[in-house]
Amino acid sequence: VVTSAGAEVQRPLATVVIGGLLTSTPMTMFLLPVLYPWFAPRLVDGSVQKSMD
């Protein structure tokens, strides 16, 4: 824990950065693969129909 000048400003920023890293990593690893099959067929179907017309 740093107690030098400016530490009181950097601590909240560091908390947000670390929190973002800790939440974005599991979301990318677990949530995105779960949601991808739900969205992917809609994107593929829409692009296939448009290209065939």
N, C-alpha and C. Protein backbone atom coordinates (compact mmCIF):
# COMPACT_ATOMS: atom_id res chain seq x y z
N VAL A 1 0.86 -1.18 0.00
CA VAL A 1 0.00 0.00 0.00
C VAL A 1 0.90 1.23 0.00
N VAL A 2 0.67 2.09 -0.96
CA VAL A 2 1.48 3.29 -1.10
C VAL A 2 0.81 4.43 -0.36
N THR A 3 1.62 5.20 0.36
CA THR A 3 1.08 6.34 1.11
C THR A 3 1.70 7.65 0.65
N SER A 4 2.38 7.64 -0.50
CA SER A 4 3.03 8.86 -0.97
C SER A 4 2.01 9.83 -1.56
N ALA A 5 2.51 11.00 -1.95
CA ALA A 5 1.64 12.02 -2.52
C ALA A 5 1.03 11.52 -3.82
N GLY A 6 -0.26 11.71 -3.99
CA GLY A 6 -0.96 11.28 -5.19
C GLY A 6 -1.59 9.91 -5.08
N ALA A 7 -1.29 9.18 -4.01
CA ALA A 7 -1.85 7.84 -3.85
C ALA A 7 -3.36 7.89 -3.66
N GLU A 8 -3.86 8.94 -3.02
CA GLU A 8 -5.30 9.04 -2.80
C GLU A 8 -6.06 9.27 -4.10
N VAL A 9 -5.37 9.74 -5.13
CA VAL A 9 -6.01 9.92 -6.43
C VAL A 9 -5.91 8.64 -7.26
N GLN A 10 -4.81 7.94 -7.15
CA GLN A 10 -4.59 6.75 -7.97
C GLN A 10 -5.34 5.52 -7.46
N ARG A 11 -5.62 5.45 -6.18
CA ARG A 11 -6.27 4.27 -5.62
C ARG A 11 -7.65 4.02 -6.22
N PRO A 12 -8.55 5.02 -6.33
CA PRO A 12 -9.86 4.75 -6.96
C PRO A 12 -9.73 4.33 -8.42
N LEU A 13 -8.79 4.92 -9.14
CA LEU A 13 -8.58 4.55 -10.54
C LEU A 13 -8.08 3.12 -10.63
N ALA A 14 -7.16 2.74 -9.77
CA ALA A 14 -6.65 1.38 -9.78
C ALA A 14 -7.75 0.38 -9.44
N THR A 15 -8.64 0.75 -8.53
CA THR A 15 -9.76 -0.13 -8.17
C THR A 15 -10.65 -0.38 -9.38
N VAL A 16 -10.94 0.66 -10.14
CA VAL A 16 -11.79 0.51 -11.32
C VAL A 16 -11.09 -0.32 -12.39
N VAL A 17 -9.81 -0.11 -12.60
CA VAL A 17 -9.07 -0.86 -13.61
C VAL A 17 -9.02 -2.34 -13.25
N ILE A 18 -8.67 -2.65 -12.03
CA ILE A 18 -8.59 -4.05 -11.59
C ILE A 18 -9.97 -4.69 -11.64
N GLY A 19 -10.99 -3.97 -11.21
CA GLY A 19 -12.36 -4.50 -11.28
C GLY A 19 -12.78 -4.79 -12.71
N GLY A 20 -12.43 -3.91 -13.63
CA GLY A 20 -12.75 -4.13 -15.03
C GLY A 20 -12.03 -5.34 -15.60
N LEU A 21 -10.79 -5.52 -15.23
CA LEU A 21 -10.04 -6.69 -15.70
C LEU A 21 -10.63 -7.98 -15.14
N LEU A 22 -11.01 -7.94 -13.87
CA LEU A 22 -11.55 -9.15 -13.24
C LEU A 22 -12.94 -9.51 -13.76
N THR A 23 -13.72 -8.54 -14.20
CA THR A 23 -15.05 -8.86 -14.72
C THR A 23 -15.04 -9.12 -16.22
N SER A 24 -14.19 -8.43 -16.96
CA SER A 24 -14.20 -8.62 -18.42
C SER A 24 -13.61 -9.96 -18.83
N THR A 25 -12.65 -10.46 -18.10
CA THR A 25 -12.03 -11.73 -18.46
C THR A 25 -13.03 -12.89 -18.36
N PRO A 26 -13.73 -13.08 -17.23
CA PRO A 26 -14.72 -14.16 -17.19
C PRO A 26 -15.87 -13.95 -18.18
N MET A 27 -16.27 -12.71 -18.40
CA MET A 27 -17.34 -12.47 -19.36
C MET A 27 -16.91 -12.89 -20.75
N THR A 28 -15.68 -12.59 -21.11
CA THR A 28 -15.18 -12.97 -22.43
C THR A 28 -15.03 -14.47 -22.55
N MET A 29 -14.60 -15.12 -21.49
CA MET A 29 -14.35 -16.55 -21.56
C MET A 29 -15.62 -17.39 -21.46
N PHE A 30 -16.62 -16.93 -20.71
CA PHE A 30 -17.79 -17.76 -20.45
C PHE A 30 -19.08 -17.20 -21.05
N LEU A 31 -19.33 -15.93 -20.89
CA LEU A 31 -20.60 -15.36 -21.33
C LEU A 31 -20.67 -15.22 -22.84
N LEU A 32 -19.62 -14.78 -23.49
CA LEU A 32 -19.64 -14.62 -24.94
C LEU A 32 -19.86 -15.94 -25.67
N PRO A 33 -19.16 -17.03 -25.32
CA PRO A 33 -19.44 -18.29 -26.02
C PRO A 33 -20.86 -18.81 -25.79
N VAL A 34 -21.45 -18.50 -24.66
CA VAL A 34 -22.82 -18.92 -24.40
C VAL A 34 -23.80 -18.12 -25.25
N LEU A 35 -23.56 -16.83 -25.39
CA LEU A 35 -24.47 -15.97 -26.15
C LEU A 35 -24.24 -16.04 -27.66
N TYR A 36 -23.08 -16.45 -28.11
CA TYR A 36 -22.77 -16.44 -29.54
C TYR A 36 -23.74 -17.29 -30.36
N PRO A 37 -24.04 -18.53 -29.97
CA PRO A 37 -24.98 -19.31 -30.79
C PRO A 37 -26.37 -18.69 -30.88
N TRP A 38 -26.74 -17.91 -29.91
CA TRP A 38 -28.05 -17.27 -29.93
C TRP A 38 -28.10 -16.15 -30.96
N PHE A 39 -26.99 -15.43 -31.12
CA PHE A 39 -26.95 -14.31 -32.06
C PHE A 39 -26.44 -14.71 -33.45
N ALA A 40 -25.55 -15.67 -33.55
CA ALA A 40 -24.90 -16.01 -34.81
C ALA A 40 -25.87 -16.48 -35.89
N PRO A 41 -26.83 -17.37 -35.62
CA PRO A 41 -27.73 -17.79 -36.70
C PRO A 41 -28.52 -16.63 -37.30
N ARG A 42 -28.88 -15.67 -36.49
CA ARG A 42 -29.62 -14.53 -36.99
C ARG A 42 -28.77 -13.71 -37.94
N LEU A 43 -27.51 -13.56 -37.62
CA LEU A 43 -26.61 -12.79 -38.49
C LEU A 43 -26.35 -13.53 -39.79
N VAL A 44 -26.13 -14.84 -39.70
CA VAL A 44 -25.85 -15.63 -40.89
C VAL A 44 -27.08 -15.70 -41.78
N ASP A 45 -28.26 -15.95 -41.21
CA ASP A 45 -29.48 -16.04 -42.01
C ASP A 45 -29.77 -14.73 -42.72
N GLY A 46 -29.59 -13.64 -42.04
CA GLY A 46 -29.85 -12.34 -42.66
C GLY A 46 -28.91 -12.04 -43.80
N SER A 47 -27.63 -12.40 -43.65
CA SER A 47 -26.67 -12.10 -44.70
C SER A 47 -26.84 -13.05 -45.89
N VAL A 48 -27.26 -14.30 -45.64
CA VAL A 48 -27.45 -15.25 -46.73
C VAL A 48 -28.64 -14.84 -47.57
N GLN A 49 -29.73 -14.44 -46.94
CA GLN A 49 -30.93 -14.04 -47.68
C GLN A 49 -30.66 -12.78 -48.50
N LYS A 50 -29.94 -11.85 -47.96
CA LYS A 50 -29.65 -10.61 -48.69
C LYS A 50 -28.76 -10.88 -49.89
N SER A 51 -27.82 -11.80 -49.77
CA SER A 51 -26.90 -12.05 -50.88
C SER A 51 -27.57 -12.85 -51.98
N MET A 52 -28.60 -13.64 -51.67
CA MET A 52 -29.28 -14.44 -52.67
C MET A 52 -30.31 -13.63 -53.45
N ASP A 53 -30.78 -12.54 -52.91
CA ASP A 53 -31.80 -11.73 -53.60
C ASP A 53 -31.24 -10.93 -54.74
